[in-house]
Amino acid sequence: MSTSLTGKVAVITGSSRSIGAAVAKHMASQGAKVVVNYVNGADAASEVVSAIKTTGGIAVAVQADVSTIAGGQRLVDESIMDSKVLAEVDEAFYDAHFATNVKGPLFLAKAAAKVLPAPGGRIIFFSTSLTGASTVSPTALVYTATKGAVEQLSRILAKDGSPGAKGITVNTVSPGPVDTPLFRQGKPPAAH
């Protein structure tokens, strides 16, 4: 089985910074044409694209809010073409996290499954190692719940869902702690 990404297009959500940016750069180094997705932060996305192009890779930045169905569809269309504790959680906070981390990936996968080659296409979700941790900070309640939902989406889509039934591989990557601005949020400097 070849692991080369030459000729493949990698659409990486949230890739203007942190883990997503590192994944985008790595996939480009392996030959993929990379779509750097961002909601806000066009400058950061441009920096990632420039870094990829500097090393001979191919990349474009696409602004799209994948927490909406229209945003996910826009990302696919343009890609083909060229911390609170329970007492502080309110409905808006919950809805925003589930829209971004569950609804967005689900409808993005749905849109991608329509255009990916079958068999042979790949849908890779990102989760977190926190979903398997025996202790999780109360401030990670909603975030961890969304990532658990993404893992279940992946399992179902891989086995019984439309992508898996068509021969499209669906999987989840769950990296451990990564020193990102989000990871540092709410931690004292000594904990970084």
N, C-alpha and C. Protein backbone atom coordinates (compact mmCIF):
# COMPACT_ATOMS: atom_id res chain seq x y z
N MET A 1 0.84 -1.18 0.00
CA MET A 1 0.00 0.00 0.00
C MET A 1 0.88 1.24 0.00
N SER A 2 0.62 2.15 -0.91
CA SER A 2 1.40 3.38 -1.01
C SER A 2 0.93 4.39 0.03
N THR A 3 1.88 5.08 0.64
CA THR A 3 1.53 6.13 1.60
C THR A 3 1.77 7.51 1.02
N SER A 4 2.13 7.58 -0.24
CA SER A 4 2.36 8.86 -0.89
C SER A 4 1.05 9.63 -1.00
N LEU A 5 1.12 10.92 -0.77
CA LEU A 5 -0.06 11.76 -0.92
C LEU A 5 -0.04 12.55 -2.22
N THR A 6 0.92 12.23 -3.09
CA THR A 6 1.03 12.92 -4.36
C THR A 6 -0.26 12.76 -5.16
N GLY A 7 -0.77 13.89 -5.63
CA GLY A 7 -2.00 13.88 -6.41
C GLY A 7 -3.26 13.92 -5.58
N LYS A 8 -3.13 13.86 -4.27
CA LYS A 8 -4.29 13.91 -3.38
C LYS A 8 -4.53 15.35 -2.94
N VAL A 9 -5.78 15.66 -2.60
CA VAL A 9 -6.13 16.96 -2.04
C VAL A 9 -6.49 16.74 -0.58
N ALA A 10 -5.83 17.47 0.31
CA ALA A 10 -6.11 17.37 1.75
C ALA A 10 -6.81 18.64 2.20
N VAL A 11 -8.07 18.52 2.60
CA VAL A 11 -8.83 19.65 3.13
C VAL A 11 -8.72 19.54 4.64
N ILE A 12 -8.06 20.52 5.27
CA ILE A 12 -7.79 20.44 6.70
C ILE A 12 -8.47 21.61 7.39
N THR A 13 -9.53 21.30 8.15
CA THR A 13 -10.25 22.37 8.84
C THR A 13 -9.41 22.89 10.00
N GLY A 14 -9.59 24.17 10.29
CA GLY A 14 -8.86 24.78 11.40
C GLY A 14 -7.36 24.71 11.23
N SER A 15 -6.88 24.86 10.01
CA SER A 15 -5.45 24.64 9.76
C SER A 15 -4.64 25.91 9.61
N SER A 16 -5.18 27.02 10.08
CA SER A 16 -4.41 28.27 10.01
C SER A 16 -3.47 28.42 11.20
N ARG A 17 -3.59 27.51 12.19
CA ARG A 17 -2.73 27.61 13.37
C ARG A 17 -2.65 26.26 14.09
N SER A 18 -1.74 26.19 15.01
CA SER A 18 -1.60 25.07 15.94
C SER A 18 -1.50 23.71 15.24
N ILE A 19 -2.25 22.73 15.75
CA ILE A 19 -2.17 21.36 15.23
C ILE A 19 -2.53 21.32 13.75
N GLY A 20 -3.59 22.01 13.39
CA GLY A 20 -4.03 22.00 12.00
C GLY A 20 -2.96 22.51 11.05
N ALA A 21 -2.25 23.58 11.45
CA ALA A 21 -1.18 24.13 10.61
C ALA A 21 -0.05 23.12 10.46
N ALA A 22 0.30 22.45 11.55
CA ALA A 22 1.36 21.44 11.50
C ALA A 22 0.96 20.28 10.59
N VAL A 23 -0.30 19.85 10.69
CA VAL A 23 -0.79 18.77 9.84
C VAL A 23 -0.76 19.20 8.37
N ALA A 24 -1.19 20.43 8.10
CA ALA A 24 -1.20 20.94 6.72
C ALA A 24 0.21 20.93 6.13
N LYS A 25 1.17 21.42 6.89
CA LYS A 25 2.56 21.47 6.41
C LYS A 25 3.11 20.06 6.18
N HIS A 26 2.80 19.16 7.09
CA HIS A 26 3.29 17.79 6.95
C HIS A 26 2.68 17.11 5.72
N MET A 27 1.38 17.26 5.55
CA MET A 27 0.73 16.61 4.41
C MET A 27 1.25 17.18 3.10
N ALA A 28 1.53 18.48 3.08
CA ALA A 28 2.12 19.09 1.88
C ALA A 28 3.51 18.51 1.62
N SER A 29 4.26 18.28 2.69
CA SER A 29 5.61 17.72 2.53
C SER A 29 5.57 16.30 1.97
N GLN A 30 4.42 15.65 2.12
CA GLN A 30 4.24 14.29 1.60
C GLN A 30 3.61 14.28 0.21
N GLY A 31 3.42 15.48 -0.37
CA GLY A 31 2.94 15.57 -1.74
C GLY A 31 1.51 16.00 -1.93
N ALA A 32 0.74 16.15 -0.85
CA ALA A 32 -0.66 16.53 -1.00
C ALA A 32 -0.80 18.00 -1.39
N LYS A 33 -1.83 18.28 -2.17
CA LYS A 33 -2.26 19.65 -2.40
C LYS A 33 -3.14 20.00 -1.21
N VAL A 34 -2.80 21.07 -0.50
CA VAL A 34 -3.43 21.33 0.79
C VAL A 34 -4.38 22.53 0.72
N VAL A 35 -5.56 22.35 1.31
CA VAL A 35 -6.51 23.44 1.49
C VAL A 35 -6.46 23.84 2.96
N VAL A 36 -5.98 25.04 3.22
CA VAL A 36 -5.88 25.57 4.58
C VAL A 36 -7.19 26.29 4.89
N ASN A 37 -7.98 25.71 5.77
CA ASN A 37 -9.27 26.29 6.13
C ASN A 37 -9.15 27.13 7.39
N TYR A 38 -9.89 28.23 7.42
CA TYR A 38 -9.93 29.09 8.60
C TYR A 38 -11.28 29.78 8.64
N VAL A 39 -11.67 30.20 9.84
CA VAL A 39 -12.88 31.01 10.01
C VAL A 39 -12.45 32.47 10.09
N ASN A 40 -11.57 32.76 11.03
CA ASN A 40 -11.00 34.09 11.21
C ASN A 40 -9.48 33.94 11.12
N GLY A 41 -8.81 34.99 10.80
CA GLY A 41 -7.35 34.91 10.77
C GLY A 41 -6.79 34.64 9.40
N ALA A 42 -7.17 35.46 8.45
CA ALA A 42 -6.67 35.30 7.08
C ALA A 42 -5.16 35.41 7.03
N ASP A 43 -4.58 36.27 7.87
CA ASP A 43 -3.12 36.44 7.87
C ASP A 43 -2.43 35.15 8.29
N ALA A 44 -2.95 34.49 9.33
CA ALA A 44 -2.35 33.24 9.80
C ALA A 44 -2.46 32.16 8.71
N ALA A 45 -3.61 32.11 8.05
CA ALA A 45 -3.80 31.13 6.97
C ALA A 45 -2.83 31.41 5.83
N SER A 46 -2.64 32.68 5.50
CA SER A 46 -1.70 33.06 4.44
C SER A 46 -0.27 32.66 4.79
N GLU A 47 0.08 32.77 6.08
CA GLU A 47 1.42 32.37 6.51
C GLU A 47 1.63 30.87 6.31
N VAL A 48 0.62 30.07 6.62
CA VAL A 48 0.73 28.61 6.44
C VAL A 48 0.86 28.29 4.95
N VAL A 49 0.04 28.93 4.12
CA VAL A 49 0.12 28.71 2.67
C VAL A 49 1.50 29.11 2.15
N SER A 50 2.01 30.25 2.60
CA SER A 50 3.34 30.71 2.16
C SER A 50 4.42 29.73 2.57
N ALA A 51 4.33 29.22 3.81
CA ALA A 51 5.33 28.26 4.29
C ALA A 51 5.31 27.00 3.43
N ILE A 52 4.13 26.55 3.05
CA ILE A 52 4.02 25.35 2.21
C ILE A 52 4.59 25.62 0.82
N LYS A 53 4.24 26.76 0.26
CA LYS A 53 4.73 27.10 -1.09
C LYS A 53 6.24 27.30 -1.10
N THR A 54 6.79 27.84 -0.01
CA THR A 54 8.24 28.05 0.08
C THR A 54 9.00 26.74 -0.05
N THR A 55 8.41 25.66 0.43
CA THR A 55 9.07 24.36 0.36
C THR A 55 8.68 23.58 -0.89
N GLY A 56 8.00 24.25 -1.83
CA GLY A 56 7.64 23.60 -3.09
C GLY A 56 6.28 22.96 -3.12
N GLY A 57 5.51 23.12 -2.05
CA GLY A 57 4.19 22.52 -1.99
C GLY A 57 3.13 23.37 -2.66
N ILE A 58 1.95 22.80 -2.75
CA ILE A 58 0.80 23.50 -3.33
C ILE A 58 -0.24 23.66 -2.24
N ALA A 59 -0.70 24.91 -2.04
CA ALA A 59 -1.69 25.17 -0.99
C ALA A 59 -2.51 26.40 -1.33
N VAL A 60 -3.75 26.39 -0.87
CA VAL A 60 -4.62 27.55 -0.96
C VAL A 60 -5.31 27.71 0.39
N ALA A 61 -5.72 28.92 0.69
CA ALA A 61 -6.48 29.19 1.91
C ALA A 61 -7.94 29.40 1.52
N VAL A 62 -8.84 28.79 2.29
CA VAL A 62 -10.27 28.96 2.05
C VAL A 62 -10.94 29.32 3.36
N GLN A 63 -11.59 30.49 3.37
CA GLN A 63 -12.34 30.92 4.55
C GLN A 63 -13.71 30.26 4.49
N ALA A 64 -14.04 29.49 5.51
CA ALA A 64 -15.36 28.86 5.59
C ALA A 64 -15.61 28.44 7.02
N ASP A 65 -16.78 28.74 7.53
CA ASP A 65 -17.17 28.35 8.88
C ASP A 65 -17.86 27.00 8.79
N VAL A 66 -17.13 25.93 9.12
CA VAL A 66 -17.69 24.58 8.96
C VAL A 66 -18.68 24.21 10.06
N SER A 67 -18.97 25.16 10.97
CA SER A 67 -20.02 24.89 11.95
C SER A 67 -21.40 25.07 11.32
N THR A 68 -21.43 25.51 10.07
CA THR A 68 -22.69 25.62 9.33
C THR A 68 -22.65 24.68 8.13
N ILE A 69 -23.79 24.21 7.73
CA ILE A 69 -23.87 23.33 6.57
C ILE A 69 -23.38 24.07 5.33
N ALA A 70 -23.81 25.31 5.17
CA ALA A 70 -23.38 26.10 4.01
C ALA A 70 -21.87 26.31 4.02
N GLY A 71 -21.29 26.54 5.19
CA GLY A 71 -19.85 26.72 5.28
C GLY A 71 -19.08 25.47 4.89
N GLY A 72 -19.55 24.32 5.36
CA GLY A 72 -18.91 23.06 4.98
C GLY A 72 -19.01 22.81 3.49
N GLN A 73 -20.19 23.09 2.93
CA GLN A 73 -20.37 22.91 1.49
C GLN A 73 -19.47 23.87 0.71
N ARG A 74 -19.37 25.11 1.20
CA ARG A 74 -18.50 26.09 0.54
C ARG A 74 -17.05 25.61 0.55
N LEU A 75 -16.62 25.07 1.68
CA LEU A 75 -15.25 24.59 1.78
C LEU A 75 -15.00 23.47 0.76
N VAL A 76 -15.92 22.54 0.69
CA VAL A 76 -15.77 21.45 -0.28
C VAL A 76 -15.78 22.00 -1.70
N ASP A 77 -16.74 22.87 -2.00
CA ASP A 77 -16.84 23.43 -3.35
C ASP A 77 -15.57 24.16 -3.75
N GLU A 78 -15.06 25.02 -2.88
CA GLU A 78 -13.86 25.78 -3.21
C GLU A 78 -12.61 24.91 -3.22
N SER A 79 -12.61 23.87 -2.44
CA SER A 79 -11.46 22.97 -2.41
C SER A 79 -11.36 22.18 -3.69
N ILE A 80 -12.48 21.73 -4.19
CA ILE A 80 -12.48 20.95 -5.42
C ILE A 80 -12.05 21.84 -6.57
N MET A 81 -12.49 23.09 -6.55
CA MET A 81 -12.13 24.02 -7.61
C MET A 81 -10.71 24.51 -7.40
N ASP A 82 -10.09 24.67 -7.32
CA ASP A 82 -8.71 25.17 -7.25
C ASP A 82 -8.08 24.53 -5.98
N SER A 83 -13.58 27.22 27.33
CA SER A 83 -13.24 26.34 28.49
C SER A 83 -14.05 26.82 29.69
N LYS A 84 -15.12 26.04 29.91
CA LYS A 84 -15.99 26.43 31.03
C LYS A 84 -16.31 25.22 31.90
N VAL A 85 -16.59 25.43 33.22
CA VAL A 85 -17.07 24.35 34.08
C VAL A 85 -18.58 24.30 33.93
N LEU A 86 -19.21 23.23 34.43
CA LEU A 86 -20.64 23.01 34.23
C LEU A 86 -21.47 24.21 34.66
N ALA A 87 -21.15 24.81 35.80
CA ALA A 87 -21.93 25.94 36.29
C ALA A 87 -21.89 27.13 35.33
N GLU A 88 -20.86 27.21 34.50
CA GLU A 88 -20.72 28.35 33.57
C GLU A 88 -21.22 28.03 32.16
N VAL A 89 -21.54 26.77 31.90
CA VAL A 89 -21.98 26.39 30.56
C VAL A 89 -23.39 26.90 30.33
N ASP A 90 -23.56 27.65 29.24
CA ASP A 90 -24.90 28.07 28.86
C ASP A 90 -25.21 27.49 27.48
N GLU A 91 -26.43 27.68 27.05
CA GLU A 91 -26.86 27.08 25.79
C GLU A 91 -26.05 27.58 24.60
N ALA A 92 -25.73 28.86 24.59
CA ALA A 92 -24.96 29.43 23.47
C ALA A 92 -23.57 28.80 23.40
N PHE A 93 -22.92 28.63 24.54
CA PHE A 93 -21.59 28.01 24.60
C PHE A 93 -21.66 26.57 24.09
N TYR A 94 -22.63 25.83 24.60
CA TYR A 94 -22.83 24.44 24.19
C TYR A 94 -23.10 24.35 22.69
N ASP A 95 -24.05 25.14 22.21
CA ASP A 95 -24.41 25.10 20.80
C ASP A 95 -23.23 25.45 19.90
N ALA A 96 -22.46 26.46 20.29
CA ALA A 96 -21.31 26.86 19.47
C ALA A 96 -20.28 25.74 19.37
N HIS A 97 -20.00 25.06 20.49
CA HIS A 97 -19.02 23.97 20.48
C HIS A 97 -19.52 22.77 19.67
N PHE A 98 -20.77 22.40 19.86
CA PHE A 98 -21.29 21.25 19.12
C PHE A 98 -21.45 21.58 17.63
N ALA A 99 -21.78 22.83 17.32
CA ALA A 99 -21.87 23.21 15.90
C ALA A 99 -20.51 23.11 15.23
N THR A 100 -19.48 23.60 15.90
CA THR A 100 -18.13 23.59 15.31
C THR A 100 -17.53 22.19 15.30
N ASN A 101 -17.62 21.48 16.41
CA ASN A 101 -16.89 20.22 16.56
C ASN A 101 -17.66 18.96 16.18
N VAL A 102 -18.99 19.04 16.02
CA VAL A 102 -19.77 17.86 15.66
C VAL A 102 -20.57 18.10 14.38
N LYS A 103 -21.40 19.11 14.40
CA LYS A 103 -22.22 19.41 13.22
C LYS A 103 -21.35 19.72 12.01
N GLY A 104 -20.35 20.56 12.21
CA GLY A 104 -19.46 20.92 11.10
C GLY A 104 -18.80 19.71 10.46
N PRO A 105 -18.10 18.88 11.25
CA PRO A 105 -17.47 17.69 10.66
C PRO A 105 -18.46 16.72 10.01
N LEU A 106 -19.64 16.55 10.61
CA LEU A 106 -20.62 15.63 10.04
C LEU A 106 -21.05 16.09 8.65
N PHE A 107 -21.42 17.34 8.52
CA PHE A 107 -21.91 17.82 7.23
C PHE A 107 -20.78 18.03 6.23
N LEU A 108 -19.58 18.29 6.72
CA LEU A 108 -18.43 18.35 5.83
C LEU A 108 -18.15 16.95 5.26
N ALA A 109 -18.22 15.92 6.12
CA ALA A 109 -18.03 14.54 5.66
C ALA A 109 -19.11 14.16 4.65
N LYS A 110 -20.34 14.58 4.92
CA LYS A 110 -21.44 14.30 3.99
C LYS A 110 -21.17 14.91 2.62
N ALA A 111 -20.74 16.17 2.61
CA ALA A 111 -20.44 16.85 1.34
C ALA A 111 -19.25 16.20 0.64
N ALA A 112 -18.22 15.86 1.41
CA ALA A 112 -17.02 15.26 0.83
C ALA A 112 -17.31 13.87 0.26
N ALA A 113 -18.16 13.10 0.95
CA ALA A 113 -18.47 11.74 0.50
C ALA A 113 -19.10 11.72 -0.89
N LYS A 114 -19.75 12.82 -1.26
CA LYS A 114 -20.37 12.89 -2.59
C LYS A 114 -19.35 13.01 -3.71
N VAL A 115 -18.16 13.54 -3.39
CA VAL A 115 -17.17 13.80 -4.45
C VAL A 115 -15.89 12.98 -4.31
N LEU A 116 -15.70 12.30 -3.19
CA LEU A 116 -14.50 11.48 -3.01
C LEU A 116 -14.58 10.23 -3.87
N PRO A 117 -13.44 9.74 -4.33
CA PRO A 117 -13.46 8.49 -5.09
C PRO A 117 -13.87 7.32 -4.20
N ALA A 118 -14.70 6.45 -4.75
CA ALA A 118 -15.13 5.29 -3.98
C ALA A 118 -14.92 4.05 -4.85
N PRO A 119 -14.16 3.09 -4.41
CA PRO A 119 -13.39 3.11 -3.16
C PRO A 119 -12.13 3.96 -3.30
N GLY A 120 -11.51 4.22 -2.17
CA GLY A 120 -10.22 4.91 -2.17
C GLY A 120 -10.21 6.25 -1.48
N GLY A 121 -11.34 6.88 -1.29
CA GLY A 121 -11.37 8.18 -0.61
C GLY A 121 -11.11 8.02 0.88
N ARG A 122 -10.74 9.12 1.51
CA ARG A 122 -10.44 9.08 2.94
C ARG A 122 -11.08 10.28 3.63
N ILE A 123 -11.72 10.03 4.77
CA ILE A 123 -12.22 11.08 5.64
C ILE A 123 -11.58 10.85 7.00
N ILE A 124 -10.80 11.82 7.47
CA ILE A 124 -10.11 11.69 8.75
C ILE A 124 -10.60 12.79 9.68
N PHE A 125 -11.17 12.40 10.81
CA PHE A 125 -11.61 13.34 11.83
C PHE A 125 -10.50 13.50 12.86
N PHE A 126 -10.47 14.64 13.54
CA PHE A 126 -9.55 14.84 14.66
C PHE A 126 -10.34 14.84 15.95
N SER A 127 -9.82 14.16 16.95
CA SER A 127 -10.43 14.10 18.27
C SER A 127 -9.38 14.54 19.29
N THR A 128 -9.42 13.96 20.45
CA THR A 128 -8.47 14.27 21.51
C THR A 128 -8.28 13.05 22.38
N SER A 129 -7.10 12.92 22.95
CA SER A 129 -6.86 11.80 23.85
C SER A 129 -7.67 11.94 25.14
N LEU A 130 -8.26 13.11 25.38
CA LEU A 130 -9.06 13.31 26.59
C LEU A 130 -10.26 12.38 26.64
N THR A 131 -10.76 11.94 25.49
CA THR A 131 -11.95 11.09 25.49
C THR A 131 -11.69 9.74 26.16
N GLY A 132 -10.44 9.34 26.25
CA GLY A 132 -10.10 8.08 26.91
C GLY A 132 -9.43 8.27 28.26
N ALA A 133 -9.31 9.52 28.70
CA ALA A 133 -8.62 9.79 29.96
C ALA A 133 -9.50 9.44 31.15
N SER A 134 -8.86 8.98 32.23
CA SER A 134 -9.62 8.65 33.43
C SER A 134 -10.00 9.89 34.22
N THR A 135 -9.24 10.96 34.06
CA THR A 135 -9.59 12.23 34.70
C THR A 135 -9.47 13.34 33.68
N VAL A 136 -10.48 14.17 33.63
CA VAL A 136 -10.51 15.30 32.70
C VAL A 136 -10.90 16.53 33.49
N SER A 137 -10.25 17.64 33.21
CA SER A 137 -10.58 18.89 33.88
C SER A 137 -12.04 19.25 33.65
N PRO A 138 -12.74 19.73 34.68
CA PRO A 138 -14.13 20.15 34.49
C PRO A 138 -14.29 21.23 33.43
N THR A 139 -13.23 21.98 33.17
CA THR A 139 -13.32 23.03 32.14
C THR A 139 -13.35 22.44 30.73
N ALA A 140 -13.03 21.17 30.61
CA ALA A 140 -13.02 20.52 29.29
C ALA A 140 -14.29 19.72 29.03
N LEU A 141 -15.31 19.91 29.86
CA LEU A 141 -16.55 19.14 29.78
C LEU A 141 -17.16 19.14 28.38
N VAL A 142 -17.52 20.29 27.88
CA VAL A 142 -18.22 20.37 26.60
C VAL A 142 -17.29 19.98 25.45
N TYR A 143 -16.06 20.48 25.49
CA TYR A 143 -15.09 20.16 24.44
C TYR A 143 -14.89 18.65 24.32
N THR A 144 -14.68 17.98 25.45
CA THR A 144 -14.45 16.54 25.43
C THR A 144 -15.69 15.79 24.96
N ALA A 145 -16.87 16.27 25.35
CA ALA A 145 -18.11 15.65 24.89
C ALA A 145 -18.24 15.75 23.37
N THR A 146 -17.85 16.89 22.80
CA THR A 146 -17.94 17.02 21.34
C THR A 146 -16.99 16.07 20.65
N LYS A 147 -15.81 15.89 21.21
CA LYS A 147 -14.84 15.00 20.58
C LYS A 147 -15.26 13.54 20.70
N GLY A 148 -15.92 13.19 21.82
CA GLY A 148 -16.48 11.85 21.94
C GLY A 148 -17.55 11.60 20.87
N ALA A 149 -18.35 12.62 20.61
CA ALA A 149 -19.36 12.51 19.56
C ALA A 149 -18.71 12.31 18.19
N VAL A 150 -17.62 13.02 17.93
CA VAL A 150 -16.91 12.87 16.66
C VAL A 150 -16.37 11.45 16.50
N GLU A 151 -15.86 10.88 17.59
CA GLU A 151 -15.35 9.51 17.51
C GLU A 151 -16.47 8.53 17.16
N GLN A 152 -17.65 8.74 17.72
CA GLN A 152 -18.78 7.87 17.39
C GLN A 152 -19.24 8.09 15.95
N LEU A 153 -19.26 9.34 15.49
CA LEU A 153 -19.57 9.60 14.09
C LEU A 153 -18.65 8.80 13.18
N SER A 154 -17.38 8.86 13.49
CA SER A 154 -16.37 8.16 12.68
C SER A 154 -16.63 6.66 12.66
N ARG A 155 -16.89 6.08 13.82
CA ARG A 155 -17.13 4.64 13.89
C ARG A 155 -18.35 4.23 13.06
N ILE A 156 -19.42 4.99 13.21
CA ILE A 156 -20.66 4.65 12.50
C ILE A 156 -20.49 4.85 11.00
N LEU A 157 -19.90 5.98 10.60
CA LEU A 157 -19.71 6.24 9.17
C LEU A 157 -18.77 5.22 8.54
N ALA A 158 -17.78 4.76 9.29
CA ALA A 158 -16.83 3.78 8.76
C ALA A 158 -17.48 2.43 8.51
N LYS A 159 -18.40 2.04 9.37
CA LYS A 159 -19.00 0.70 9.27
C LYS A 159 -20.31 0.70 8.49
N ASP A 160 -21.23 1.52 8.92
CA ASP A 160 -22.59 1.42 8.40
C ASP A 160 -23.05 2.64 7.62
N GLY A 161 -22.29 3.71 7.71
CA GLY A 161 -22.71 4.94 7.06
C GLY A 161 -22.42 4.94 5.57
N SER A 162 -22.95 5.90 4.89
CA SER A 162 -22.78 6.02 3.44
C SER A 162 -21.32 5.99 2.99
N PRO A 163 -20.40 6.76 3.63
CA PRO A 163 -19.00 6.71 3.15
C PRO A 163 -18.40 5.31 3.25
N GLY A 164 -18.56 4.66 4.41
CA GLY A 164 -17.99 3.33 4.59
C GLY A 164 -18.59 2.31 3.65
N ALA A 165 -19.89 2.41 3.42
CA ALA A 165 -20.57 1.49 2.52
C ALA A 165 -20.08 1.65 1.08
N LYS A 166 -19.61 2.85 0.73
CA LYS A 166 -19.10 3.11 -0.62
C LYS A 166 -17.62 2.78 -0.76
N GLY A 167 -16.97 2.35 0.32
CA GLY A 167 -15.55 2.04 0.24
C GLY A 167 -14.65 3.21 0.56
N ILE A 168 -15.21 4.25 1.17
CA ILE A 168 -14.41 5.40 1.62
C ILE A 168 -13.98 5.12 3.05
N THR A 169 -12.69 5.19 3.30
CA THR A 169 -12.18 4.95 4.64
C THR A 169 -12.50 6.14 5.54
N VAL A 170 -13.03 5.86 6.72
CA VAL A 170 -13.33 6.90 7.70
C VAL A 170 -12.62 6.53 8.99
N ASN A 171 -11.86 7.46 9.56
CA ASN A 171 -11.12 7.17 10.78
C ASN A 171 -10.95 8.44 11.60
N THR A 172 -10.44 8.28 12.81
CA THR A 172 -10.21 9.40 13.72
C THR A 172 -8.79 9.36 14.24
N VAL A 173 -8.16 10.51 14.30
CA VAL A 173 -6.84 10.67 14.91
C VAL A 173 -7.04 11.40 16.23
N SER A 174 -6.46 10.88 17.30
CA SER A 174 -6.60 11.49 18.62
C SER A 174 -5.24 11.81 19.21
N PRO A 175 -4.68 12.99 18.88
CA PRO A 175 -3.37 13.33 19.43
C PRO A 175 -3.44 13.61 20.93
N GLY A 176 -2.33 13.40 21.60
CA GLY A 176 -2.23 13.74 23.01
C GLY A 176 -2.10 15.25 23.17
N PRO A 177 -1.78 15.70 24.38
CA PRO A 177 -1.64 17.14 24.61
C PRO A 177 -0.61 17.77 23.68
N VAL A 178 -1.00 18.88 23.07
CA VAL A 178 -0.11 19.63 22.19
C VAL A 178 -0.08 21.07 22.70
N ASP A 179 1.10 21.63 22.80
CA ASP A 179 1.27 22.98 23.34
C ASP A 179 0.76 24.02 22.34
N THR A 180 -0.54 24.32 22.44
CA THR A 180 -1.17 25.31 21.58
C THR A 180 -1.75 26.41 22.46
N PRO A 181 -2.12 27.56 21.88
CA PRO A 181 -2.75 28.60 22.69
C PRO A 181 -4.01 28.11 23.41
N LEU A 182 -4.82 27.27 22.75
CA LEU A 182 -6.01 26.74 23.40
C LEU A 182 -5.64 25.85 24.58
N PHE A 183 -4.60 25.04 24.44
CA PHE A 183 -4.15 24.17 25.52
C PHE A 183 -3.68 25.00 26.72
N ARG A 184 -3.02 26.11 26.46
CA ARG A 184 -2.48 26.95 27.53
C ARG A 184 -3.55 27.77 28.25
N GLN A 185 -4.68 27.98 27.58
CA GLN A 185 -5.72 28.85 28.12
C GLN A 185 -6.15 28.38 29.51
N GLY A 186 -6.08 29.29 30.46
CA GLY A 186 -6.50 29.00 31.82
C GLY A 186 -5.47 28.29 32.67
N LYS A 187 -4.27 28.05 32.14
CA LYS A 187 -3.22 27.39 32.91
C LYS A 187 -2.17 28.42 33.32
N PRO A 188 -1.59 28.27 34.50
CA PRO A 188 -0.52 29.18 34.90
C PRO A 188 0.71 28.97 34.02
N PRO A 189 1.55 30.01 33.82
CA PRO A 189 2.73 29.88 32.96
C PRO A 189 3.62 28.68 33.28
N ALA A 190 3.74 28.30 34.53
CA ALA A 190 4.59 27.17 34.91
C ALA A 190 4.07 25.85 34.33
N ALA A 191 2.77 25.79 34.03
CA ALA A 191 2.18 24.56 33.50
C ALA A 191 2.43 24.39 32.01
N HIS A 192 2.90 25.43 31.35
CA HIS A 192 3.13 25.34 29.91
C HIS A 192 4.35 24.51 29.68
